[in-house]
Amino acid sequence: LYIKNMVCDRCIKVVKEELEKLGFEINKIVLGEVNAEGEFGKDNLVKI
């Protein structure tokens, strides 16, 4: 997933926590980019 407005370590932490709350497993996260595992159906993409 490519995410706009991630500019610091705190942004990374927030995005990681929020995606994990939605049930996604985070494999790698850096500024602007998250590699995650989970169910990426339409409903979940709207939630993300």
All heavy atoms as atom14 arrays in JSON, in Angstrom:
{
  "sequence": "LYIKNMVCDRCIKVVKEELEKLGFEINKIVLGEVNAEGEFGKDNLVKI",
  "atom14_mask": [
    [1, 1, 1, 1, 1, 1, 1, 1, 0, 0, 0, 0, 0, 0],
    [1, 1, 1, 1, 1, 1, 1, 1, 1, 1, 1, 1, 0, 0],
    [1, 1, 1, 1, 1, 1, 1, 1, 0, 0, 0, 0, 0, 0],
    [1, 1, 1, 1, 1, 1, 1, 1, 1, 0, 0, 0, 0, 0],
    [1, 1, 1, 1, 1, 1, 1, 1, 0, 0, 0, 0, 0, 0],
    [1, 1, 1, 1, 1, 1, 1, 1, 0, 0, 0, 0, 0, 0],
    [1, 1, 1, 1, 1, 1, 1, 0, 0, 0, 0, 0, 0, 0],
    [1, 1, 1, 1, 1, 1, 0, 0, 0, 0, 0, 0, 0, 0],
    [1, 1, 1, 1, 1, 1, 1, 1, 0, 0, 0, 0, 0, 0],
    [1, 1, 1, 1, 1, 1, 1, 1, 1, 1, 1, 0, 0, 0],
    [1, 1, 1, 1, 1, 1, 0, 0, 0, 0, 0, 0, 0, 0],
    [1, 1, 1, 1, 1, 1, 1, 1, 0, 0, 0, 0, 0, 0],
    [1, 1, 1, 1, 1, 1, 1, 1, 1, 0, 0, 0, 0, 0],
    [1, 1, 1, 1, 1, 1, 1, 0, 0, 0, 0, 0, 0, 0],
    [1, 1, 1, 1, 1, 1, 1, 0, 0, 0, 0, 0, 0, 0],
    [1, 1, 1, 1, 1, 1, 1, 1, 1, 0, 0, 0, 0, 0],
    [1, 1, 1, 1, 1, 1, 1, 1, 1, 0, 0, 0, 0, 0],
    [1, 1, 1, 1, 1, 1, 1, 1, 1, 0, 0, 0, 0, 0],
    [1, 1, 1, 1, 1, 1, 1, 1, 0, 0, 0, 0, 0, 0],
    [1, 1, 1, 1, 1, 1, 1, 1, 1, 0, 0, 0, 0, 0],
    [1, 1, 1, 1, 1, 1, 1, 1, 1, 0, 0, 0, 0, 0],
    [1, 1, 1, 1, 1, 1, 1, 1, 0, 0, 0, 0, 0, 0],
    [1, 1, 1, 1, 0, 0, 0, 0, 0, 0, 0, 0, 0, 0],
    [1, 1, 1, 1, 1, 1, 1, 1, 1, 1, 1, 0, 0, 0],
    [1, 1, 1, 1, 1, 1, 1, 1, 1, 0, 0, 0, 0, 0],
    [1, 1, 1, 1, 1, 1, 1, 1, 0, 0, 0, 0, 0, 0],
    [1, 1, 1, 1, 1, 1, 1, 1, 0, 0, 0, 0, 0, 0],
    [1, 1, 1, 1, 1, 1, 1, 1, 1, 0, 0, 0, 0, 0],
    [1, 1, 1, 1, 1, 1, 1, 1, 0, 0, 0, 0, 0, 0],
    [1, 1, 1, 1, 1, 1, 1, 0, 0, 0, 0, 0, 0, 0],
    [1, 1, 1, 1, 1, 1, 1, 1, 0, 0, 0, 0, 0, 0],
    [1, 1, 1, 1, 0, 0, 0, 0, 0, 0, 0, 0, 0, 0],
    [1, 1, 1, 1, 1, 1, 1, 1, 1, 0, 0, 0, 0, 0],
    [1, 1, 1, 1, 1, 1, 1, 0, 0, 0, 0, 0, 0, 0],
    [1, 1, 1, 1, 1, 1, 1, 1, 0, 0, 0, 0, 0, 0],
    [1, 1, 1, 1, 1, 0, 0, 0, 0, 0, 0, 0, 0, 0],
    [1, 1, 1, 1, 1, 1, 1, 1, 1, 0, 0, 0, 0, 0],
    [1, 1, 1, 1, 0, 0, 0, 0, 0, 0, 0, 0, 0, 0],
    [1, 1, 1, 1, 1, 1, 1, 1, 1, 0, 0, 0, 0, 0],
    [1, 1, 1, 1, 1, 1, 1, 1, 1, 1, 1, 0, 0, 0],
    [1, 1, 1, 1, 0, 0, 0, 0, 0, 0, 0, 0, 0, 0],
    [1, 1, 1, 1, 1, 1, 1, 1, 1, 0, 0, 0, 0, 0],
    [1, 1, 1, 1, 1, 1, 1, 1, 0, 0, 0, 0, 0, 0],
    [1, 1, 1, 1, 1, 1, 1, 1, 0, 0, 0, 0, 0, 0],
    [1, 1, 1, 1, 1, 1, 1, 1, 0, 0, 0, 0, 0, 0],
    [1, 1, 1, 1, 1, 1, 1, 0, 0, 0, 0, 0, 0, 0],
    [1, 1, 1, 1, 1, 1, 1, 1, 1, 0, 0, 0, 0, 0],
    [1, 1, 1, 1, 1, 1, 1, 1, 0, 0, 0, 0, 0, 0]
  ],
  "atom14_positions": [
    [[0.86, -1.18, 0.0], [0.0, 0.0, 0.0], [0.89, 1.23, 0.0], [1.9, 1.28, 0.71], [-0.89, 0.02, 1.25], [-1.77, -1.19, 1.48], [-2.42, -1.11, 2.87], [-2.83, -1.3, 0.4], [0.0, 0.0, 0.0], [0.0, 0.0, 0.0], [0.0, 0.0, 0.0], [0.0, 0.0, 0.0], [0.0, 0.0, 0.0], [0.0, 0.0, 0.0]],
    [[0.51, 2.23, -0.77], [1.25, 3.47, -0.82], [0.41, 4.53, -0.13], [-0.77, 4.7, -0.44], [1.57, 3.86, -2.26], [2.49, 2.85, -2.89], [1.98, 1.74, -3.57], [3.86, 2.97, -2.76], [2.84, 0.8, -4.13], [4.72, 2.03, -3.31], [4.19, 0.94, -3.99], [5.04, 0.01, -4.52], [0.0, 0.0, 0.0], [0.0, 0.0, 0.0]],
    [[1.04, 5.23, 0.83], [0.29, 6.13, 1.7], [0.91, 7.52, 1.68], [2.11, 7.68, 1.92], [0.25, 5.57, 3.14], [-0.4, 4.18, 3.1], [-0.49, 6.5, 4.07], [-0.32, 3.41, 4.38], [0.0, 0.0, 0.0], [0.0, 0.0, 0.0], [0.0, 0.0, 0.0], [0.0, 0.0, 0.0], [0.0, 0.0, 0.0], [0.0, 0.0, 0.0]],
    [[0.07, 8.49, 1.43], [0.5, 9.88, 1.36], [0.53, 10.5, 2.75], [-0.29, 10.16, 3.6], [-0.47, 10.66, 0.47], [-0.06, 12.07, 0.17], [-1.01, 12.68, -0.83], [-0.55, 14.07, -1.22], [-1.37, 14.63, -2.28], [0.0, 0.0, 0.0], [0.0, 0.0, 0.0], [0.0, 0.0, 0.0], [0.0, 0.0, 0.0], [0.0, 0.0, 0.0]],
    [[1.46, 11.41, 2.97], [1.6, 12.21, 4.2], [2.31, 11.5, 5.34], [2.25, 11.97, 6.48], [0.25, 12.76, 4.69], [-0.41, 13.66, 3.68], [0.27, 14.33, 2.9], [-1.72, 13.64, 3.64], [0.0, 0.0, 0.0], [0.0, 0.0, 0.0], [0.0, 0.0, 0.0], [0.0, 0.0, 0.0], [0.0, 0.0, 0.0], [0.0, 0.0, 0.0]],
    [[2.98, 10.4, 5.08], [3.8, 9.77, 6.13], [5.16, 10.48, 6.09], [5.87, 10.4, 5.1], [3.98, 8.28, 5.86], [2.73, 7.46, 6.11], [2.97, 5.7, 5.78], [4.05, 5.23, 7.13], [0.0, 0.0, 0.0], [0.0, 0.0, 0.0], [0.0, 0.0, 0.0], [0.0, 0.0, 0.0], [0.0, 0.0, 0.0], [0.0, 0.0, 0.0]],
    [[5.52, 11.16, 7.18], [6.75, 11.95, 7.17], [7.7, 11.67, 8.33], [8.79, 12.23, 8.37], [6.44, 13.47, 7.12], [5.73, 13.84, 5.84], [5.62, 13.88, 8.34], [0.0, 0.0, 0.0], [0.0, 0.0, 0.0], [0.0, 0.0, 0.0], [0.0, 0.0, 0.0], [0.0, 0.0, 0.0], [0.0, 0.0, 0.0], [0.0, 0.0, 0.0]],
    [[7.29, 10.81, 9.27], [8.15, 10.61, 10.43], [7.9, 9.22, 11.03], [7.0, 8.5, 10.61], [7.89, 11.69, 11.48], [6.21, 11.65, 12.15], [0.0, 0.0, 0.0], [0.0, 0.0, 0.0], [0.0, 0.0, 0.0], [0.0, 0.0, 0.0], [0.0, 0.0, 0.0], [0.0, 0.0, 0.0], [0.0, 0.0, 0.0], [0.0, 0.0, 0.0]],
    [[8.69, 8.9, 12.05], [8.55, 7.61, 12.72], [7.2, 7.47, 13.41], [6.64, 6.38, 13.49], [9.68, 7.41, 13.73], [11.03, 7.22, 13.05], [11.04, 6.78, 11.88], [12.07, 7.49, 13.68], [0.0, 0.0, 0.0], [0.0, 0.0, 0.0], [0.0, 0.0, 0.0], [0.0, 0.0, 0.0], [0.0, 0.0, 0.0], [0.0, 0.0, 0.0]],
    [[6.67, 8.58, 13.91], [5.36, 8.53, 14.56], [4.27, 8.15, 13.56], [3.34, 7.42, 13.88], [5.06, 9.87, 15.22], [3.99, 9.74, 16.29], [3.76, 11.01, 17.03], [2.54, 11.55, 16.46], [2.28, 12.83, 16.28], [3.15, 13.71, 16.62], [1.15, 13.22, 15.77], [0.0, 0.0, 0.0], [0.0, 0.0, 0.0], [0.0, 0.0, 0.0]],
    [[4.41, 8.65, 12.33], [3.46, 8.29, 11.27], [3.5, 6.79, 11.02], [2.45, 6.15, 10.86], [3.79, 9.03, 9.98], [3.62, 10.82, 10.08], [0.0, 0.0, 0.0], [0.0, 0.0, 0.0], [0.0, 0.0, 0.0], [0.0, 0.0, 0.0], [0.0, 0.0, 0.0], [0.0, 0.0, 0.0], [0.0, 0.0, 0.0], [0.0, 0.0, 0.0]],
    [[4.69, 6.24, 10.98], [4.86, 4.8, 10.77], [4.15, 4.04, 11.88], [3.42, 3.07, 11.63], [6.35, 4.43, 10.7], [6.96, 4.97, 9.4], [6.57, 2.93, 10.82], [8.47, 4.83, 9.31], [0.0, 0.0, 0.0], [0.0, 0.0, 0.0], [0.0, 0.0, 0.0], [0.0, 0.0, 0.0], [0.0, 0.0, 0.0], [0.0, 0.0, 0.0]],
    [[4.34, 4.48, 13.12], [3.73, 3.81, 14.26], [2.2, 3.85, 14.18], [1.52, 2.83, 14.39], [4.2, 4.47, 15.56], [3.65, 3.84, 16.81], [4.13, 4.56, 18.05], [3.51, 3.9, 19.27], [3.69, 4.63, 20.48], [0.0, 0.0, 0.0], [0.0, 0.0, 0.0], [0.0, 0.0, 0.0], [0.0, 0.0, 0.0], [0.0, 0.0, 0.0]],
    [[1.65, 5.01, 13.86], [0.19, 5.16, 13.79], [-0.39, 4.27, 12.69], [-1.37, 3.55, 12.91], [-0.2, 6.64, 13.55], [-1.67, 6.78, 13.2], [0.15, 7.48, 14.77], [0.0, 0.0, 0.0], [0.0, 0.0, 0.0], [0.0, 0.0, 0.0], [0.0, 0.0, 0.0], [0.0, 0.0, 0.0], [0.0, 0.0, 0.0], [0.0, 0.0, 0.0]],
    [[0.21, 4.3, 11.51], [-0.29, 3.5, 10.39], [-0.22, 2.02, 10.74], [-1.17, 1.26, 10.51], [0.47, 3.82, 9.09], [0.15, 2.8, 8.0], [0.15, 5.23, 8.62], [0.0, 0.0, 0.0], [0.0, 0.0, 0.0], [0.0, 0.0, 0.0], [0.0, 0.0, 0.0], [0.0, 0.0, 0.0], [0.0, 0.0, 0.0], [0.0, 0.0, 0.0]],
    [[0.89, 1.59, 11.32], [1.06, 0.19, 11.69], [-0.02, -0.24, 12.68], [-0.68, -1.26, 12.49], [2.44, -0.04, 12.29], [2.76, -1.47, 12.65], [4.19, -1.59, 13.17], [4.64, -3.0, 13.34], [4.06, -3.73, 14.44], [0.0, 0.0, 0.0], [0.0, 0.0, 0.0], [0.0, 0.0, 0.0], [0.0, 0.0, 0.0], [0.0, 0.0, 0.0]],
    [[-0.22, 0.55, 13.72], [-1.22, 0.22, 14.74], [-2.63, 0.16, 14.15], [-3.39, -0.75, 14.45], [-1.17, 1.24, 15.88], [0.05, 1.11, 16.77], [0.17, 2.22, 17.8], [-0.68, 3.16, 17.8], [1.11, 2.17, 18.61], [0.0, 0.0, 0.0], [0.0, 0.0, 0.0], [0.0, 0.0, 0.0], [0.0, 0.0, 0.0], [0.0, 0.0, 0.0]],
    [[-2.97, 1.12, 13.31], [-4.32, 1.17, 12.75], [-4.58, 0.0, 11.81], [-5.66, -0.59, 11.83], [-4.56, 2.5, 12.02], [-4.6, 3.7, 12.95], [-5.77, 3.7, 13.93], [-6.78, 3.01, 13.69], [-5.67, 4.39, 14.96], [0.0, 0.0, 0.0], [0.0, 0.0, 0.0], [0.0, 0.0, 0.0], [0.0, 0.0, 0.0], [0.0, 0.0, 0.0]],
    [[-3.59, -0.36, 10.99], [-3.78, -1.49, 10.08], [-3.85, -2.82, 10.85], [-4.61, -3.71, 10.48], [-2.68, -1.53, 9.03], [-2.74, -0.4, 7.99], [-1.55, -0.47, 7.04], [-4.04, -0.4, 7.22], [0.0, 0.0, 0.0], [0.0, 0.0, 0.0], [0.0, 0.0, 0.0], [0.0, 0.0, 0.0], [0.0, 0.0, 0.0], [0.0, 0.0, 0.0]],
    [[-3.07, -2.92, 11.91], [-3.13, -4.14, 12.74], [-4.49, -4.25, 13.42], [-5.02, -5.35, 13.56], [-1.98, -4.16, 13.74], [-0.65, -4.49, 13.09], [0.54, -4.4, 14.03], [0.43, -3.75, 15.1], [1.59, -4.98, 13.67], [0.0, 0.0, 0.0], [0.0, 0.0, 0.0], [0.0, 0.0, 0.0], [0.0, 0.0, 0.0], [0.0, 0.0, 0.0]],
    [[-5.07, -3.13, 13.84], [-6.4, -3.16, 14.44], [-7.44, -3.68, 13.45], [-8.42, -4.29, 13.85], [-6.83, -1.75, 14.89], [-6.2, -1.27, 16.16], [-6.76, 0.12, 16.49], [-5.91, 0.84, 17.5], [-6.38, 2.23, 17.7], [0.0, 0.0, 0.0], [0.0, 0.0, 0.0], [0.0, 0.0, 0.0], [0.0, 0.0, 0.0], [0.0, 0.0, 0.0]],
    [[-7.21, -3.42, 12.16], [-8.12, -3.9, 11.13], [-7.87, -5.36, 10.76], [-8.56, -5.92, 9.92], [-8.01, -3.03, 9.87], [-8.52, -1.59, 9.99], [-8.24, -0.82, 8.71], [-10.0, -1.56, 10.32], [0.0, 0.0, 0.0], [0.0, 0.0, 0.0], [0.0, 0.0, 0.0], [0.0, 0.0, 0.0], [0.0, 0.0, 0.0], [0.0, 0.0, 0.0]],
    [[-6.84, -5.97, 11.38], [-6.57, -7.39, 11.16], [-5.51, -7.7, 10.13], [-5.35, -8.85, 9.71], [0.0, 0.0, 0.0], [0.0, 0.0, 0.0], [0.0, 0.0, 0.0], [0.0, 0.0, 0.0], [0.0, 0.0, 0.0], [0.0, 0.0, 0.0], [0.0, 0.0, 0.0], [0.0, 0.0, 0.0], [0.0, 0.0, 0.0], [0.0, 0.0, 0.0]],
    [[-4.74, -6.7, 9.72], [-3.68, -6.92, 8.75], [-2.36, -7.2, 9.45], [-2.08, -6.63, 10.5], [-3.54, -5.71, 7.81], [-4.72, -5.53, 6.92], [-5.78, -4.72, 7.3], [-4.8, -6.2, 5.71], [-6.9, -4.56, 6.49], [-5.91, -6.06, 4.9], [-6.95, -5.24, 5.29], [0.0, 0.0, 0.0], [0.0, 0.0, 0.0], [0.0, 0.0, 0.0]],
    [[-1.58, -8.07, 8.86], [-0.25, -8.37, 9.38], [0.75, -7.53, 8.58], [0.79, -7.61, 7.35], [0.06, -9.86, 9.2], [1.41, -10.26, 9.74], [1.68, -11.74, 9.53], [0.72, -12.54, 9.58], [2.86, -12.09, 9.28], [0.0, 0.0, 0.0], [0.0, 0.0, 0.0], [0.0, 0.0, 0.0], [0.0, 0.0, 0.0], [0.0, 0.0, 0.0]],
    [[1.53, -6.73, 9.28], [2.49, -5.84, 8.63], [3.82, -6.57, 8.46], [4.44, -6.97, 9.44], [2.7, -4.54, 9.45], [1.36, -3.87, 9.75], [3.65, -3.6, 8.72], [0.51, -3.51, 8.56], [0.0, 0.0, 0.0], [0.0, 0.0, 0.0], [0.0, 0.0, 0.0], [0.0, 0.0, 0.0], [0.0, 0.0, 0.0], [0.0, 0.0, 0.0]],
    [[4.25, -6.72, 7.22], [5.53, -7.37, 6.94], [6.67, -6.37, 6.92], [7.76, -6.65, 7.39], [5.47, -8.11, 5.6], [4.44, -9.21, 5.61], [4.22, -9.87, 6.63], [3.77, -9.4, 4.5], [0.0, 0.0, 0.0], [0.0, 0.0, 0.0], [0.0, 0.0, 0.0], [0.0, 0.0, 0.0], [0.0, 0.0, 0.0], [0.0, 0.0, 0.0]],
    [[6.4, -5.18, 6.37], [7.42, -4.14, 6.27], [6.71, -2.8, 6.17], [5.69, -2.68, 5.5], [8.29, -4.36, 5.03], [9.37, -3.33, 4.84], [10.16, -3.59, 3.56], [11.16, -2.46, 3.35], [11.78, -2.54, 2.03], [0.0, 0.0, 0.0], [0.0, 0.0, 0.0], [0.0, 0.0, 0.0], [0.0, 0.0, 0.0], [0.0, 0.0, 0.0]],
    [[7.26, -1.79, 6.86], [6.67, -0.46, 6.78], [7.79, 0.58, 6.79], [8.7, 0.53, 7.61], [5.65, -0.22, 7.92], [4.95, 1.12, 7.75], [6.28, -0.36, 9.27], [3.72, 1.3, 8.62], [0.0, 0.0, 0.0], [0.0, 0.0, 0.0], [0.0, 0.0, 0.0], [0.0, 0.0, 0.0], [0.0, 0.0, 0.0], [0.0, 0.0, 0.0]],
    [[7.74, 1.46, 5.82], [8.66, 2.59, 5.71], [7.82, 3.81, 5.34], [6.63, 3.68, 5.06], [9.77, 2.35, 4.66], [10.69, 1.21, 5.08], [9.19, 2.08, 3.29], [0.0, 0.0, 0.0], [0.0, 0.0, 0.0], [0.0, 0.0, 0.0], [0.0, 0.0, 0.0], [0.0, 0.0, 0.0], [0.0, 0.0, 0.0], [0.0, 0.0, 0.0]],
    [[8.43, 4.97, 5.32], [7.68, 6.17, 4.97], [7.01, 6.01, 3.62], [7.65, 5.7, 2.62], [8.6, 7.39, 4.94], [9.19, 7.83, 6.27], [10.1, 9.02, 6.07], [8.11, 8.14, 7.28], [0.0, 0.0, 0.0], [0.0, 0.0, 0.0], [0.0, 0.0, 0.0], [0.0, 0.0, 0.0], [0.0, 0.0, 0.0], [0.0, 0.0, 0.0]],
    [[5.7, 6.16, 3.6], [4.95, 6.13, 2.37], [4.61, 4.76, 1.81], [3.92, 4.65, 0.8], [0.0, 0.0, 0.0], [0.0, 0.0, 0.0], [0.0, 0.0, 0.0], [0.0, 0.0, 0.0], [0.0, 0.0, 0.0], [0.0, 0.0, 0.0], [0.0, 0.0, 0.0], [0.0, 0.0, 0.0], [0.0, 0.0, 0.0], [0.0, 0.0, 0.0]],
    [[5.05, 3.7, 2.47], [4.88, 2.37, 1.9], [4.69, 1.31, 2.99], [5.45, 1.27, 3.95], [6.13, 2.04, 1.09], [5.97, 0.99, 0.07], [7.21, 0.9, -0.82], [7.64, 1.93, -1.38], [7.75, -0.21, -0.93], [0.0, 0.0, 0.0], [0.0, 0.0, 0.0], [0.0, 0.0, 0.0], [0.0, 0.0, 0.0], [0.0, 0.0, 0.0]],
    [[3.68, 0.47, 2.81], [3.4, -0.6, 3.77], [3.21, -1.9, 3.0], [2.41, -1.96, 2.07], [2.12, -0.33, 4.58], [1.83, -1.48, 5.54], [2.21, 0.99, 5.32], [0.0, 0.0, 0.0], [0.0, 0.0, 0.0], [0.0, 0.0, 0.0], [0.0, 0.0, 0.0], [0.0, 0.0, 0.0], [0.0, 0.0, 0.0], [0.0, 0.0, 0.0]],
    [[3.94, -2.92, 3.38], [3.72, -4.25, 2.83], [2.98, -5.04, 3.89], [3.48, -5.24, 4.98], [5.05, -4.92, 2.46], [4.82, -6.24, 1.78], [4.45, -7.22, 2.42], [5.03, -6.27, 0.47], [0.0, 0.0, 0.0], [0.0, 0.0, 0.0], [0.0, 0.0, 0.0], [0.0, 0.0, 0.0], [0.0, 0.0, 0.0], [0.0, 0.0, 0.0]],
    [[1.75, -5.43, 3.55], [0.88, -6.08, 4.54], [0.26, -7.34, 3.96], [0.2, -7.52, 2.74], [-0.21, -5.12, 4.99], [0.0, 0.0, 0.0], [0.0, 0.0, 0.0], [0.0, 0.0, 0.0], [0.0, 0.0, 0.0], [0.0, 0.0, 0.0], [0.0, 0.0, 0.0], [0.0, 0.0, 0.0], [0.0, 0.0, 0.0], [0.0, 0.0, 0.0]],
    [[-0.22, -8.17, 4.87], [-0.88, -9.4, 4.49], [-2.26, -9.41, 5.12], [-2.43, -9.03, 6.28], [-0.07, -10.6, 4.99], [-0.42, -11.9, 4.35], [0.57, -12.99, 4.73], [1.78, -12.78, 4.57], [0.1, -14.03, 5.22], [0.0, 0.0, 0.0], [0.0, 0.0, 0.0], [0.0, 0.0, 0.0], [0.0, 0.0, 0.0], [0.0, 0.0, 0.0]],
    [[-3.25, -9.79, 4.33], [-4.61, -9.84, 4.85], [-5.61, -9.97, 3.72], [-5.26, -10.34, 2.6], [0.0, 0.0, 0.0], [0.0, 0.0, 0.0], [0.0, 0.0, 0.0], [0.0, 0.0, 0.0], [0.0, 0.0, 0.0], [0.0, 0.0, 0.0], [0.0, 0.0, 0.0], [0.0, 0.0, 0.0], [0.0, 0.0, 0.0], [0.0, 0.0, 0.0]],
    [[-6.85, -9.67, 4.03], [-7.92, -9.74, 3.05], [-8.2, -8.34, 2.51], [-8.66, -7.46, 3.23], [-9.17, -10.34, 3.69], [-8.97, -11.78, 4.13], [-10.17, -12.36, 4.84], [-11.24, -11.72, 4.86], [-10.04, -13.47, 5.39], [0.0, 0.0, 0.0], [0.0, 0.0, 0.0], [0.0, 0.0, 0.0], [0.0, 0.0, 0.0], [0.0, 0.0, 0.0]],
    [[-7.89, -8.12, 1.23], [-7.98, -6.8, 0.62], [-9.2, -6.64, -0.27], [-9.13, -6.06, -1.34], [-6.7, -6.49, -0.17], [-5.5, -6.27, 0.68], [-4.63, -7.31, 0.95], [-5.25, -5.03, 1.23], [-3.51, -7.12, 1.75], [-4.14, -4.82, 2.03], [-3.28, -5.87, 2.29], [0.0, 0.0, 0.0], [0.0, 0.0, 0.0], [0.0, 0.0, 0.0]],
    [[-10.33, -7.16, 0.17], [-11.57, -6.99, -0.59], [-12.01, -5.53, -0.56], [-11.44, -4.7, 0.14], [0.0, 0.0, 0.0], [0.0, 0.0, 0.0], [0.0, 0.0, 0.0], [0.0, 0.0, 0.0], [0.0, 0.0, 0.0], [0.0, 0.0, 0.0], [0.0, 0.0, 0.0], [0.0, 0.0, 0.0], [0.0, 0.0, 0.0], [0.0, 0.0, 0.0]],
    [[-13.06, -5.22, -1.32], [-13.56, -3.84, -1.41], [-13.89, -3.25, -0.04], [-13.55, -2.12, 0.26], [-14.81, -3.79, -2.29], [-14.56, -3.5, -3.72], [-15.88, -3.29, -4.44], [-15.59, -3.01, -5.91], [-16.82, -2.91, -6.7], [0.0, 0.0, 0.0], [0.0, 0.0, 0.0], [0.0, 0.0, 0.0], [0.0, 0.0, 0.0], [0.0, 0.0, 0.0]],
    [[-14.57, -4.04, 0.79], [-14.96, -3.54, 2.11], [-13.75, -3.18, 2.96], [-13.73, -2.13, 3.62], [-15.81, -4.59, 2.86], [-17.18, -4.78, 2.22], [-17.61, -3.89, 1.46], [-17.81, -5.82, 2.49], [0.0, 0.0, 0.0], [0.0, 0.0, 0.0], [0.0, 0.0, 0.0], [0.0, 0.0, 0.0], [0.0, 0.0, 0.0], [0.0, 0.0, 0.0]],
    [[-12.74, -4.03, 2.94], [-11.54, -3.76, 3.73], [-10.75, -2.57, 3.18], [-10.17, -1.81, 3.94], [-10.66, -5.0, 3.83], [-11.14, -5.95, 4.91], [-11.94, -5.58, 5.77], [-10.65, -7.17, 4.87], [0.0, 0.0, 0.0], [0.0, 0.0, 0.0], [0.0, 0.0, 0.0], [0.0, 0.0, 0.0], [0.0, 0.0, 0.0], [0.0, 0.0, 0.0]],
    [[-10.73, -2.4, 1.86], [-10.04, -1.25, 1.28], [-10.74, 0.05, 1.7], [-10.07, 1.05, 1.97], [-9.95, -1.36, -0.24], [-8.9, -2.34, -0.76], [-8.99, -2.47, -2.27], [-7.5, -1.93, -0.34], [0.0, 0.0, 0.0], [0.0, 0.0, 0.0], [0.0, 0.0, 0.0], [0.0, 0.0, 0.0], [0.0, 0.0, 0.0], [0.0, 0.0, 0.0]],
    [[-12.04, 0.04, 1.77], [-12.79, 1.22, 2.24], [-12.44, 1.49, 3.7], [-12.22, 2.65, 4.08], [-14.32, 1.01, 2.05], [-15.11, 2.09, 2.78], [-14.67, 0.98, 0.58], [0.0, 0.0, 0.0], [0.0, 0.0, 0.0], [0.0, 0.0, 0.0], [0.0, 0.0, 0.0], [0.0, 0.0, 0.0], [0.0, 0.0, 0.0], [0.0, 0.0, 0.0]],
    [[-12.36, 0.45, 4.51], [-11.99, 0.61, 5.92], [-10.58, 1.19, 6.04], [-10.33, 2.07, 6.87], [-12.06, -0.73, 6.66], [-13.46, -1.22, 6.89], [-13.44, -2.58, 7.57], [-14.84, -3.16, 7.7], [-14.84, -4.52, 8.26], [0.0, 0.0, 0.0], [0.0, 0.0, 0.0], [0.0, 0.0, 0.0], [0.0, 0.0, 0.0], [0.0, 0.0, 0.0]],
    [[-9.66, 0.68, 5.2], [-8.28, 1.19, 5.22], [-8.27, 2.67, 4.86], [-7.65, 3.49, 5.55], [-7.38, 0.38, 4.26], [-7.17, -1.03, 4.8], [-6.03, 1.09, 4.07], [-6.5, -1.97, 3.8], [0.0, 0.0, 0.0], [0.0, 0.0, 0.0], [0.0, 0.0, 0.0], [0.0, 0.0, 0.0], [0.0, 0.0, 0.0], [0.0, 0.0, 0.0]]
  ]
}
